[in-house]
N, C-alpha and C. Protein backbone atom coordinates (compact mmCIF):
# COMPACT_ATOMS: atom_id res chain seq x y z
N MET A 1 18.34 -12.89 -26.45
CA MET A 1 19.75 -12.59 -26.46
C MET A 1 20.22 -12.38 -25.03
N ALA A 2 21.19 -13.12 -24.63
CA ALA A 2 21.74 -13.00 -23.29
C ALA A 2 23.08 -12.30 -23.37
N GLY A 3 23.44 -11.61 -22.33
CA GLY A 3 24.72 -10.93 -22.30
C GLY A 3 25.49 -11.31 -21.06
N GLY A 4 26.79 -11.29 -21.17
CA GLY A 4 27.61 -11.62 -20.00
C GLY A 4 27.49 -13.08 -19.63
N TRP A 5 27.28 -13.35 -18.34
CA TRP A 5 27.24 -14.71 -17.84
C TRP A 5 25.82 -15.26 -17.67
N SER A 6 24.82 -14.49 -18.05
CA SER A 6 23.44 -14.95 -17.87
C SER A 6 23.02 -15.86 -19.02
N ARG A 7 22.12 -16.77 -18.71
CA ARG A 7 21.64 -17.71 -19.74
C ARG A 7 20.51 -17.07 -20.53
N ASP A 8 20.13 -17.67 -21.62
CA ASP A 8 19.03 -17.17 -22.45
C ASP A 8 17.73 -17.17 -21.65
N GLY A 9 16.99 -16.09 -21.72
CA GLY A 9 15.71 -15.99 -21.03
C GLY A 9 15.80 -15.53 -19.59
N ALA A 10 17.01 -15.30 -19.10
CA ALA A 10 17.17 -14.90 -17.69
C ALA A 10 16.54 -13.53 -17.42
N VAL A 11 16.66 -12.62 -18.36
CA VAL A 11 16.10 -11.28 -18.18
C VAL A 11 14.58 -11.36 -18.13
N SER A 12 13.99 -12.14 -19.02
CA SER A 12 12.53 -12.30 -19.03
C SER A 12 12.04 -12.93 -17.73
N GLU A 13 12.77 -13.91 -17.23
CA GLU A 13 12.40 -14.56 -15.97
C GLU A 13 12.46 -13.55 -14.81
N GLN A 14 13.47 -12.70 -14.83
CA GLN A 14 13.61 -11.70 -13.77
C GLN A 14 12.46 -10.70 -13.83
N ILE A 15 12.08 -10.28 -15.02
CA ILE A 15 10.97 -9.34 -15.17
C ILE A 15 9.67 -9.98 -14.69
N GLU A 16 9.43 -11.22 -15.09
CA GLU A 16 8.22 -11.92 -14.67
C GLU A 16 8.18 -12.10 -13.16
N ALA A 17 9.33 -12.41 -12.55
CA ALA A 17 9.39 -12.56 -11.10
C ALA A 17 9.10 -11.24 -10.40
N SER A 18 9.62 -10.14 -10.95
CA SER A 18 9.38 -8.81 -10.36
C SER A 18 7.89 -8.46 -10.42
N ILE A 19 7.27 -8.77 -11.55
CA ILE A 19 5.84 -8.49 -11.71
C ILE A 19 5.02 -9.33 -10.73
N ALA A 20 5.37 -10.61 -10.60
CA ALA A 20 4.65 -11.49 -9.68
C ALA A 20 4.79 -11.02 -8.23
N GLU A 21 5.98 -10.58 -7.84
CA GLU A 21 6.20 -10.06 -6.49
C GLU A 21 5.38 -8.81 -6.24
N GLU A 22 5.32 -7.93 -7.21
CA GLU A 22 4.56 -6.69 -7.05
C GLU A 22 3.06 -6.99 -6.94
N LEU A 23 2.57 -7.93 -7.74
CA LEU A 23 1.16 -8.31 -7.65
C LEU A 23 0.83 -8.89 -6.28
N GLU A 24 1.71 -9.71 -5.73
CA GLU A 24 1.49 -10.28 -4.39
C GLU A 24 1.49 -9.17 -3.34
N ARG A 25 2.38 -8.20 -3.49
CA ARG A 25 2.45 -7.09 -2.54
C ARG A 25 1.17 -6.26 -2.60
N MET A 26 0.65 -6.04 -3.81
CA MET A 26 -0.58 -5.27 -3.95
C MET A 26 -1.77 -6.03 -3.38
N LYS A 27 -1.81 -7.34 -3.55
CA LYS A 27 -2.90 -8.13 -2.99
C LYS A 27 -2.88 -8.07 -1.46
N ALA A 28 -1.69 -8.03 -0.88
CA ALA A 28 -1.57 -7.96 0.57
C ALA A 28 -2.03 -6.62 1.12
N ARG A 29 -1.96 -5.56 0.31
CA ARG A 29 -2.34 -4.22 0.76
C ARG A 29 -3.77 -3.87 0.43
N ARG A 30 -4.59 -4.82 0.08
CA ARG A 30 -5.96 -4.56 -0.32
C ARG A 30 -6.76 -3.82 0.72
N GLY A 31 -6.41 -3.91 1.94
CA GLY A 31 -7.16 -3.23 2.98
C GLY A 31 -7.56 -4.20 4.06
N PRO A 32 -8.39 -3.73 4.96
CA PRO A 32 -8.78 -4.58 6.08
C PRO A 32 -9.57 -5.80 5.60
N GLN A 33 -9.34 -6.90 6.27
CA GLN A 33 -10.07 -8.12 5.98
C GLN A 33 -10.40 -8.78 7.31
N GLY A 34 -11.32 -9.71 7.28
CA GLY A 34 -11.72 -10.40 8.50
C GLY A 34 -12.92 -9.74 9.14
N GLU A 35 -13.07 -9.96 10.44
CA GLU A 35 -14.22 -9.43 11.15
C GLU A 35 -13.97 -7.99 11.61
N SER A 36 -14.96 -7.15 11.42
CA SER A 36 -14.85 -5.75 11.84
C SER A 36 -14.98 -5.64 13.36
N LEU A 37 -14.34 -4.59 13.89
CA LEU A 37 -14.51 -4.29 15.31
C LEU A 37 -15.79 -3.48 15.50
N ARG A 38 -16.43 -3.62 16.66
CA ARG A 38 -17.60 -2.79 16.97
C ARG A 38 -17.17 -1.40 17.43
N ASP A 39 -16.04 -1.34 18.13
CA ASP A 39 -15.52 -0.06 18.64
C ASP A 39 -14.18 0.24 17.98
N CYS A 40 -13.92 1.52 17.78
CA CYS A 40 -12.68 1.97 17.13
C CYS A 40 -11.47 1.52 17.95
N ALA A 41 -10.43 1.07 17.27
CA ALA A 41 -9.22 0.60 17.93
C ALA A 41 -8.43 1.75 18.55
N GLU A 42 -8.63 2.99 18.09
CA GLU A 42 -7.87 4.12 18.61
C GLU A 42 -8.64 4.93 19.65
N CYS A 43 -9.88 5.34 19.34
CA CYS A 43 -10.60 6.23 20.25
C CYS A 43 -11.67 5.52 21.08
N GLY A 44 -12.08 4.33 20.68
CA GLY A 44 -13.08 3.59 21.44
C GLY A 44 -14.51 3.91 21.09
N GLU A 45 -14.74 4.86 20.17
CA GLU A 45 -16.10 5.19 19.74
C GLU A 45 -16.68 4.03 18.94
N GLU A 46 -18.00 3.91 18.96
CA GLU A 46 -18.65 2.85 18.20
C GLU A 46 -18.55 3.12 16.71
N ILE A 47 -18.20 2.09 15.93
CA ILE A 47 -18.13 2.20 14.48
C ILE A 47 -19.54 1.92 13.95
N PRO A 48 -20.10 2.82 13.11
CA PRO A 48 -21.45 2.61 12.60
C PRO A 48 -21.58 1.29 11.83
N GLU A 49 -22.74 0.67 11.95
CA GLU A 49 -22.97 -0.64 11.32
C GLU A 49 -22.79 -0.57 9.81
N LYS A 50 -23.24 0.52 9.19
CA LYS A 50 -23.10 0.64 7.74
C LYS A 50 -21.63 0.64 7.32
N ARG A 51 -20.77 1.26 8.12
CA ARG A 51 -19.33 1.27 7.82
C ARG A 51 -18.76 -0.14 7.98
N ARG A 52 -19.20 -0.85 9.03
CA ARG A 52 -18.70 -2.21 9.26
C ARG A 52 -19.11 -3.14 8.12
N LEU A 53 -20.31 -2.93 7.58
CA LEU A 53 -20.78 -3.76 6.47
C LEU A 53 -20.09 -3.39 5.15
N ALA A 54 -19.83 -2.10 4.96
CA ALA A 54 -19.22 -1.63 3.72
C ALA A 54 -17.75 -2.02 3.62
N ILE A 55 -17.05 -2.03 4.75
CA ILE A 55 -15.61 -2.34 4.76
C ILE A 55 -15.37 -3.48 5.73
N PRO A 56 -15.45 -4.72 5.26
CA PRO A 56 -15.22 -5.86 6.16
C PRO A 56 -13.82 -5.80 6.77
N GLY A 57 -13.73 -5.94 8.07
CA GLY A 57 -12.45 -5.91 8.76
C GLY A 57 -12.02 -4.53 9.22
N VAL A 58 -12.92 -3.55 9.13
CA VAL A 58 -12.55 -2.19 9.52
C VAL A 58 -12.26 -2.13 11.01
N LYS A 59 -11.22 -1.37 11.38
CA LYS A 59 -10.80 -1.27 12.77
C LYS A 59 -10.90 0.15 13.32
N LEU A 60 -11.08 1.13 12.43
CA LEU A 60 -11.10 2.54 12.84
C LEU A 60 -12.41 3.21 12.46
N CYS A 61 -12.84 4.17 13.28
CA CYS A 61 -14.01 4.97 12.94
C CYS A 61 -13.64 5.96 11.82
N VAL A 62 -14.62 6.65 11.29
CA VAL A 62 -14.39 7.56 10.16
C VAL A 62 -13.40 8.66 10.55
N ASP A 63 -13.57 9.26 11.74
CA ASP A 63 -12.70 10.36 12.16
C ASP A 63 -11.25 9.91 12.31
N CYS A 64 -11.02 8.77 12.95
CA CYS A 64 -9.65 8.28 13.16
C CYS A 64 -9.02 7.87 11.83
N ALA A 65 -9.81 7.27 10.95
CA ALA A 65 -9.29 6.89 9.64
C ALA A 65 -8.90 8.12 8.83
N ALA A 66 -9.73 9.16 8.89
CA ALA A 66 -9.43 10.40 8.17
C ALA A 66 -8.17 11.06 8.74
N GLU A 67 -8.04 11.04 10.05
CA GLU A 67 -6.85 11.62 10.67
C GLU A 67 -5.60 10.86 10.27
N ARG A 68 -5.68 9.54 10.26
CA ARG A 68 -4.53 8.72 9.87
C ARG A 68 -4.19 8.94 8.39
N ASP A 69 -5.19 9.05 7.53
CA ASP A 69 -4.94 9.30 6.11
C ASP A 69 -4.29 10.66 5.91
N GLY A 70 -4.70 11.65 6.68
CA GLY A 70 -4.11 12.99 6.58
C GLY A 70 -2.66 12.99 6.97
N GLN A 71 -2.28 12.19 7.96
CA GLN A 71 -0.89 12.11 8.38
C GLN A 71 -0.04 11.46 7.29
N ALA A 72 -0.58 10.50 6.59
CA ALA A 72 0.17 9.80 5.56
C ALA A 72 0.48 10.73 4.39
N ARG A 73 -0.40 11.67 4.09
CA ARG A 73 -0.19 12.56 2.96
C ARG A 73 0.87 13.61 3.23
N GLN A 74 1.22 13.86 4.47
CA GLN A 74 2.14 14.93 4.79
C GLN A 74 3.60 14.57 4.55
N ARG A 75 3.88 13.31 4.24
CA ARG A 75 5.27 12.91 3.99
C ARG A 75 5.78 13.53 2.69
N ALA A 76 7.09 13.66 2.61
CA ALA A 76 7.71 14.17 1.40
C ALA A 76 7.58 13.16 0.28
N GLY A 77 7.40 13.65 -0.92
CA GLY A 77 7.24 12.76 -2.07
C GLY A 77 8.56 12.24 -2.60
N ILE A 78 8.47 11.32 -3.50
CA ILE A 78 9.65 10.75 -4.13
C ILE A 78 9.99 11.58 -5.35
N ASN A 79 11.26 11.83 -5.56
CA ASN A 79 11.70 12.58 -6.73
C ASN A 79 11.68 11.67 -7.94
N ARG A 80 10.59 11.71 -8.69
CA ARG A 80 10.47 10.85 -9.86
C ARG A 80 11.11 11.50 -11.09
N ARG A 81 11.33 12.77 -11.03
CA ARG A 81 11.89 13.48 -12.17
C ARG A 81 13.36 13.13 -12.36
N GLY A 82 14.10 13.08 -11.28
CA GLY A 82 15.49 12.65 -11.33
C GLY A 82 16.44 13.64 -11.95
N SER A 83 16.07 14.92 -12.04
CA SER A 83 16.99 15.89 -12.61
C SER A 83 18.05 16.29 -11.59
N LYS A 84 19.17 16.78 -12.08
CA LYS A 84 20.25 17.18 -11.18
C LYS A 84 19.81 18.34 -10.29
N ASP A 85 19.03 19.27 -10.85
CA ASP A 85 18.58 20.42 -10.06
C ASP A 85 17.79 19.98 -8.85
N SER A 86 16.88 19.03 -9.01
CA SER A 86 16.04 18.63 -7.90
C SER A 86 16.82 17.78 -6.90
N GLN A 87 17.89 17.12 -7.32
CA GLN A 87 18.68 16.32 -6.42
C GLN A 87 19.63 17.17 -5.58
N LEU A 88 19.98 18.33 -6.06
CA LEU A 88 20.90 19.20 -5.34
C LEU A 88 20.22 20.01 -4.25
N LYS A 89 18.91 20.13 -4.30
CA LYS A 89 18.18 20.95 -3.33
C LYS A 89 18.10 20.27 -2.00
C-alpha cells in the first residue's frame, strides 16, 4: 500500500536501502586492516609481535590504544529515551 505520491513498494525499497547502507558502514568500521606497524604511530614504542599477529593492521601499542578507547567513552551519550524531562535538562 502506497500513500501520497510514492509508488507501490517505495517504502520497502527505502528500508532495504537503509539496511544495505548500514551494513556497508559496519563493514568499513571492522577495524584495522593491512600491514601492521612495528612501532606505535603515537608513542613510537615497539608493538609486540603477538599483538601484530592477533590484529592485522594494528597501528597503536596496547597503552595508546587503551588511552584512546578511554577518551572515546567519556563523551556524552545519546538520549534514547526521548522523554520531555530528559530533553529539558
